[in-house]
C-alpha atoms as a PDB file:
ATOM      1  CA  MET A   1       0.000   0.000   0.000  1.00  0.00           C
ATOM      2  CA  LEU A   2       2.846   2.332   0.848  1.00  0.00           C
ATOM      3  CA  SER A   3       4.485   1.819  -2.549  1.00  0.00           C
ATOM      4  CA  ILE A   4       1.230   2.734  -4.321  1.00  0.00           C
ATOM      5  CA  VAL A   5       0.978   5.948  -2.328  1.00  0.00           C
ATOM      6  CA  ALA A   6       4.640   6.736  -3.045  1.00  0.00           C
ATOM      7  CA  CYS A   7       4.161   6.200  -6.787  1.00  0.00           C
ATOM      8  CA  LEU A   8       1.046   8.375  -6.851  1.00  0.00           C
ATOM      9  CA  TYR A   9       2.935  11.091  -4.995  1.00  0.00           C
ATOM     10  CA  LEU A  10       5.741  11.015  -7.560  1.00  0.00           C
ATOM     11  CA  ILE A  11       3.294  11.060 -10.476  1.00  0.00           C
ATOM     12  CA  LEU A  12       1.420  14.031  -9.043  1.00  0.00           C
ATOM     13  CA  LYS A  13       4.669  15.983  -8.632  1.00  0.00           C
ATOM     14  CA  LEU A  14       5.516  15.796 -12.356  1.00  0.00           C
ATOM     15  CA  SER A  15       5.355  19.013 -14.337  1.00  0.00           C
ATOM     16  CA  SER A  16       2.509  19.781 -16.717  1.00  0.00           C
ATOM     17  CA  MET A  17       4.962  19.546 -19.640  1.00  0.00           C
ATOM     18  CA  VAL A  18       5.391  15.817 -18.925  1.00  0.00           C
ATOM     19  CA  TYR A  19       1.626  15.312 -19.110  1.00  0.00           C
ATOM     20  CA  ALA A  20       1.451  17.253 -22.385  1.00  0.00           C
ATOM     21  CA  ILE A  21       4.264  15.231 -23.976  1.00  0.00           C
ATOM     22  CA  THR A  22       2.675  11.990 -22.766  1.00  0.00           C
ATOM     23  CA  GLY A  23      -0.657  13.014 -24.283  1.00  0.00           C
ATOM     24  CA  ILE A  24       0.983  13.777 -27.622  1.00  0.00           C
ATOM     25  CA  TRP A  25       2.756  10.407 -27.657  1.00  0.00           C
ATOM     26  CA  VAL A  26      -0.476   8.588 -26.782  1.00  0.00           C
ATOM     27  CA  ALA A  27      -2.282  10.356 -29.633  1.00  0.00           C
ATOM     28  CA  ILE A  28       0.478   9.452 -32.111  1.00  0.00           C
ATOM     29  CA  ALA A  29       0.521   5.840 -30.924  1.00  0.00           C
ATOM     30  CA  ALA A  30      -3.285   5.567 -31.227  1.00  0.00           C
ATOM     31  CA  LEU A  31      -3.158   7.015 -34.745  1.00  0.00           C
ATOM     32  CA  VAL A  32      -0.487   4.520 -35.825  1.00  0.00           C
ATOM     33  CA  TYR A  33      -2.310   1.627 -34.142  1.00  0.00           C
ATOM     34  CA  PHE A  34      -5.700   2.329 -35.705  1.00  0.00           C
ATOM     35  CA  THR A  35      -4.236   3.121 -39.131  1.00  0.00           C
ATOM     36  CA  TYR A  36      -2.261  -0.131 -39.145  1.00  0.00           C
ATOM     37  CA  SER A  37      -5.158  -2.211 -37.842  1.00  0.00           C
ATOM     38  CA  ALA A  38      -7.599  -0.777 -40.386  1.00  0.00           C
ATOM     39  CA  ARG A  39      -5.280  -1.713 -43.249  1.00  0.00           C
ATOM     40  CA  ASN A  40      -4.461  -5.182 -41.907  1.00  0.00           C
ATOM     41  CA  SER A  41      -7.826  -6.236 -40.528  1.00  0.00           C
ATOM     42  CA  ARG A  42      -8.882  -9.811 -41.245  1.00  0.00           C
ATOM     43  CA  LEU A  43     -12.439  -8.567 -41.670  1.00  0.00           C
ATOM     44  CA  GLU A  44     -11.393  -6.447 -44.651  1.00  0.00           C
ATOM     45  CA  LYS A  45      -9.701  -9.313 -46.533  1.00  0.00           C
ATOM     46  CA  PRO A  46     -11.557 -11.478 -49.065  1.00  0.00           C
ATOM     47  CA  ASP A  47     -13.195 -14.683 -47.789  1.00  0.00           C
ATOM     48  CA  GLY A  48     -10.858 -17.465 -46.828  1.00  0.00           C
ATOM     49  CA  ILE A  49      -7.599 -15.525 -46.726  1.00  0.00           C
ATOM     50  CA  GLY A  50      -7.708 -14.232 -43.171  1.00  0.00           C
ATOM     51  CA  GLU A  51      -9.597 -17.092 -41.532  1.00  0.00           C
ATOM     52  CA  ALA A  52      -7.859 -19.417 -39.095  1.00  0.00           C
ATOM     53  CA  ALA A  53      -7.581 -23.062 -40.086  1.00  0.00           C
ATOM     54  CA  GLU A  54      -9.715 -25.402 -38.029  1.00  0.00           C
END
């Protein structure tokens, strides 16, 4: 419990610039993730190509 409180204390003491940079990186990562997944989705491929063998 003490380690959780200590970590929260350290996180809350970070500057607002750290939160802004983190937000920008999360937005970039989400954009890359969703762009990649939309292009490589098994649902978008023709029948039979993306299905798992049973």
